[in-house]
Amino acid sequence: MESMRDINRVMEREIAKGSSPLKLDHIEFGDYSYQKITSKEKLLEVLSYLLRISDFSQYAGKTFLNNVYINLRGKKPVFKRTRTAIERNNIFATIKRYARKLKPQYNGDVYLETVRCYFDIPQENLERCRYTYQGNETYAFLMSDKYIMALYTHCLVARKEVAIQGKQSEGFTEKEYGMVRLEKVGDVLFQTLLLDDVKIELGKVYIHLNTIYIL
């Protein structure tokens, strides 16, 4: 695995080539972070939404190409961007098969985790990325494959650091706090960084890192 120093060098080179200079500042958990998935039908609905397929295909706007998804190839997870609905449907089918193999009971053993990843970007660059889609103002960041995967790596490293630090989060149950620490997690069924759903809070861009755990 590349060192973070090497990854940062890649990012600087990609910025010089034209990628938007989006850089991770920190990640946060909150009362939005843990949602229990109580049935197979709900799991498939959540996967369909995150993959922008089926009843949620209308969310596959211009920037869904930036989303990073986990796919399973053999026993190793592969993180990739997708360009077509066919690719996303193939990921859906693979994750669905993997879920059958894991045999969740949906009795409190399946959770969707949502982490907010906050990014810095110079204001002048942010303004250039603003556009209107279907009547709503949003942002589209021009980024290369290498740059997006580097951002994703930064988010994963930050998530692991939170687990290691073990900071207590207000309002979490002991079970949820165990998931924050990654102590009560069995398998990662699915994960995505949704770069097509950009929000602004107090001058910072934030994007959701979503993970489905089987406990």
Protein backbone atom coordinates (compact mmCIF):
# COMPACT_ATOMS: atom_id res chain seq x y z
CA MET A 1 0.00 0.00 0.00
CA GLU A 2 1.22 3.48 -0.85
CA SER A 3 2.20 5.74 2.03
CA MET A 4 0.08 8.82 2.71
CA ARG A 5 3.05 10.92 1.64
CA ASP A 6 3.02 9.21 -1.76
CA ILE A 7 -0.75 9.64 -2.01
CA ASN A 8 -0.44 13.35 -1.21
CA ARG A 9 2.16 13.72 -3.94
CA VAL A 10 -0.23 12.10 -6.39
CA MET A 11 -2.91 14.59 -5.33
CA GLU A 12 -0.61 17.56 -5.89
CA ARG A 13 0.27 16.30 -9.36
CA GLU A 14 -3.41 15.81 -10.21
CA ILE A 15 -4.27 19.31 -8.96
CA ALA A 16 -1.58 20.68 -11.27
CA LYS A 17 -3.31 18.82 -14.12
CA GLY A 18 -6.67 20.40 -13.31
CA SER A 19 -8.36 18.39 -10.54
CA SER A 20 -10.36 20.48 -8.07
CA PRO A 21 -8.21 21.06 -4.95
CA LEU A 22 -10.61 19.38 -2.53
CA LYS A 23 -8.79 18.21 0.63
CA LEU A 24 -10.10 16.33 3.66
CA ASP A 25 -10.26 18.40 6.85
CA HIS A 26 -11.98 16.01 9.27
CA ILE A 27 -14.84 13.55 9.64
CA GLU A 28 -17.81 13.68 12.02
CA PHE A 29 -20.39 11.35 13.51
CA GLY A 30 -23.81 12.47 14.70
CA ASP A 31 -27.39 11.43 15.36
CA TYR A 32 -27.61 10.62 11.64
CA SER A 33 -24.78 8.08 11.76
CA TYR A 34 -26.50 4.77 12.53
CA GLN A 35 -29.63 3.37 10.94
CA LYS A 36 -30.76 -0.17 11.71
CA ILE A 37 -31.71 -2.22 8.65
CA THR A 38 -34.51 -4.51 9.77
CA SER A 39 -35.32 -6.59 6.69
CA LYS A 40 -33.92 -7.93 3.44
CA GLU A 41 -36.28 -5.62 1.55
CA LYS A 42 -34.94 -2.58 3.41
CA LEU A 43 -31.37 -3.66 2.70
CA LEU A 44 -32.08 -3.90 -1.03
CA GLU A 45 -33.78 -0.50 -0.92
CA VAL A 46 -30.76 1.10 0.78
CA LEU A 47 -28.37 -0.52 -1.71
CA SER A 48 -30.52 0.67 -4.63
CA TYR A 49 -30.47 4.22 -3.29
CA LEU A 50 -26.72 4.27 -2.72
CA LEU A 51 -26.08 2.78 -6.16
CA ARG A 52 -28.59 5.11 -7.86
CA ILE A 53 -30.46 2.25 -9.55
CA SER A 54 -34.02 0.92 -9.84
CA ASP A 55 -36.49 3.30 -8.15
CA PHE A 56 -33.62 5.69 -7.37
CA SER A 57 -32.13 5.96 -10.85
CA GLN A 58 -33.33 9.58 -11.03
CA TYR A 59 -30.55 10.45 -8.57
CA ALA A 60 -27.91 9.41 -11.10
CA GLY A 61 -27.19 12.97 -12.21
CA LYS A 62 -24.18 14.42 -13.96
CA THR A 63 -21.81 13.86 -11.04
CA PHE A 64 -22.61 10.26 -10.06
CA LEU A 65 -19.50 9.27 -12.05
CA ASN A 66 -17.43 10.60 -9.14
CA ASN A 67 -18.94 8.17 -6.62
CA VAL A 68 -16.66 5.45 -5.29
CA TYR A 69 -18.18 2.02 -4.63
CA ILE A 70 -16.92 -1.17 -3.07
CA ASN A 71 -17.13 -4.21 -5.32
CA LEU A 72 -16.17 -7.76 -4.46
CA ARG A 73 -13.76 -9.58 -6.71
CA GLY A 74 -13.04 -13.00 -5.31
CA LYS A 75 -12.30 -12.50 -1.61
CA LYS A 76 -10.83 -9.03 -2.03
CA PRO A 77 -12.86 -5.81 -2.04
CA VAL A 78 -12.16 -3.51 -4.97
CA PHE A 79 -12.97 0.19 -4.84
CA LYS A 80 -14.00 1.73 -8.13
CA ARG A 81 -15.95 4.40 -9.95
CA THR A 82 -18.72 3.38 -12.31
CA ARG A 83 -19.81 4.91 -15.59
CA THR A 84 -22.96 2.98 -16.46
CA ALA A 85 -26.11 1.66 -14.82
CA ILE A 86 -25.04 -1.81 -15.94
CA GLU A 87 -21.90 -1.59 -13.79
CA ARG A 88 -23.89 -0.42 -10.77
CA ASN A 89 -26.47 -3.17 -11.25
CA ASN A 90 -23.66 -5.71 -11.42
CA ILE A 91 -22.32 -4.43 -8.09
CA PHE A 92 -25.85 -4.69 -6.66
CA ALA A 93 -26.09 -8.33 -7.77
CA THR A 94 -22.67 -9.14 -6.29
CA ILE A 95 -23.47 -7.54 -2.92
CA LYS A 96 -26.86 -9.26 -2.88
CA ARG A 97 -25.16 -12.66 -3.33
CA TYR A 98 -22.63 -11.80 -0.61
CA ALA A 99 -25.45 -10.87 1.77
CA ARG A 100 -27.07 -14.27 1.19
CA LYS A 101 -23.77 -15.90 2.05
CA LEU A 102 -23.45 -13.93 5.31
CA LYS A 103 -27.05 -14.82 6.29
CA PRO A 104 -27.95 -11.74 8.38
CA GLN A 105 -30.92 -12.14 10.71
CA TYR A 106 -32.08 -8.49 10.57
CA ASN A 107 -32.59 -8.53 14.33
CA GLY A 108 -30.18 -5.69 15.06
CA ASP A 109 -27.22 -7.20 13.23
CA VAL A 110 -27.32 -4.99 10.09
CA TYR A 111 -26.56 -1.27 10.22
CA LEU A 112 -25.99 1.58 7.79
CA GLU A 113 -23.26 3.92 9.02
CA THR A 114 -23.17 7.48 7.67
CA VAL A 115 -20.07 9.58 8.33
CA ARG A 116 -19.73 13.18 7.21
CA CYS A 117 -16.40 13.89 5.55
CA TYR A 118 -15.61 17.62 5.62
CA PHE A 119 -13.35 19.06 2.94
CA ASP A 120 -11.53 22.34 2.42
CA ILE A 121 -11.42 24.07 -0.96
CA PRO A 122 -10.44 27.67 -1.80
CA GLN A 123 -13.54 29.84 -2.20
CA GLU A 124 -12.68 30.85 -5.75
CA ASN A 125 -12.45 27.19 -6.76
CA LEU A 126 -15.72 26.41 -5.00
CA GLU A 127 -17.55 29.14 -6.89
CA ARG A 128 -16.31 27.76 -10.20
CA CYS A 129 -17.80 24.37 -9.27
CA ARG A 130 -21.29 25.71 -8.55
CA TYR A 131 -24.09 24.78 -10.94
CA THR A 132 -27.85 24.19 -11.02
CA TYR A 133 -29.26 20.70 -11.56
CA GLN A 134 -33.00 20.08 -11.83
CA GLY A 135 -33.65 23.47 -10.26
CA ASN A 136 -31.36 22.88 -7.27
CA GLU A 137 -28.02 24.55 -6.67
CA THR A 138 -25.20 22.09 -6.12
CA TYR A 139 -21.51 21.57 -6.86
CA ALA A 140 -19.62 19.44 -9.35
CA PHE A 141 -15.91 18.89 -8.83
CA LEU A 142 -13.67 18.02 -11.74
CA MET A 143 -11.37 15.29 -10.47
CA SER A 144 -9.33 12.52 -12.03
CA ASP A 145 -9.63 8.86 -11.06
CA LYS A 146 -6.35 9.08 -9.17
CA TYR A 147 -7.47 12.15 -7.24
CA ILE A 148 -10.83 10.69 -6.26
CA MET A 149 -9.27 7.44 -5.06
CA ALA A 150 -6.74 9.46 -3.05
CA LEU A 151 -9.58 11.40 -1.38
CA TYR A 152 -11.32 8.13 -0.61
CA THR A 153 -8.13 6.77 0.95
CA HIS A 154 -7.90 9.85 3.17
CA CYS A 155 -11.49 9.26 4.33
CA LEU A 156 -10.78 5.61 5.16
CA VAL A 157 -7.63 6.52 7.09
CA ALA A 158 -9.53 9.19 9.04
CA ARG A 159 -12.28 6.65 9.82
CA LYS A 160 -9.72 4.18 11.19
CA GLU A 161 -8.08 6.91 13.27
CA VAL A 162 -11.41 7.69 14.94
CA ALA A 163 -11.77 4.00 15.81
CA ILE A 164 -8.27 3.90 17.29
CA GLN A 165 -8.76 7.09 19.31
CA GLY A 166 -12.01 5.72 20.71
CA LYS A 167 -13.53 9.11 21.46
CA GLN A 168 -16.90 8.91 23.20
CA SER A 169 -19.72 10.34 21.09
CA GLU A 170 -22.67 11.93 22.86
CA GLY A 171 -26.04 10.31 22.36
CA PHE A 172 -24.72 6.98 21.10
CA THR A 173 -25.77 3.69 22.61
CA GLU A 174 -23.05 1.31 23.74
CA LYS A 175 -23.71 -0.75 20.62
CA GLU A 176 -23.32 2.28 18.35
CA TYR A 177 -20.20 3.41 20.19
CA GLY A 178 -18.80 -0.08 19.64
CA MET A 179 -19.37 0.39 15.91
CA VAL A 180 -17.59 3.75 16.03
CA ARG A 181 -14.61 1.90 17.53
CA LEU A 182 -15.09 -0.91 14.96
CA GLU A 183 -15.12 -3.37 17.86
CA LYS A 184 -18.57 -4.82 17.23
CA VAL A 185 -18.29 -5.09 13.46
CA GLY A 186 -18.15 -8.46 11.73
CA ASP A 187 -18.25 -7.83 7.98
CA VAL A 188 -18.39 -4.80 5.72
CA LEU A 189 -21.13 -5.63 3.25
CA PHE A 190 -20.93 -2.42 1.25
CA GLN A 191 -19.31 1.00 1.22
CA THR A 192 -19.52 4.14 -0.89
CA LEU A 193 -18.29 7.73 -0.92
CA LEU A 194 -21.12 9.74 -2.49
CA LEU A 195 -19.39 12.58 -4.29
CA ASP A 196 -22.58 13.31 -6.23
CA ASP A 197 -24.32 14.54 -3.06
CA VAL A 198 -22.32 17.59 -2.00
CA LYS A 199 -23.48 19.83 0.82
CA ILE A 200 -22.09 23.02 2.37
CA GLU A 201 -22.02 23.75 6.09
CA LEU A 202 -20.28 26.75 7.67
CA GLY A 203 -18.19 27.27 4.57
CA LYS A 204 -17.02 23.66 4.38
CA VAL A 205 -17.99 21.03 1.86
CA TYR A 206 -19.17 17.73 3.28
CA ILE A 207 -19.83 14.40 1.61
CA HIS A 208 -21.19 11.16 3.07
CA LEU A 209 -19.14 8.02 3.53
CA ASN A 210 -21.71 5.22 3.84
CA THR A 211 -20.93 1.72 5.09
CA ILE A 212 -23.24 -1.25 5.66
CA TYR A 213 -22.04 -3.50 8.48
CA ILE A 214 -23.05 -7.02 9.41
CA LEU A 215 -22.37 -7.31 13.15
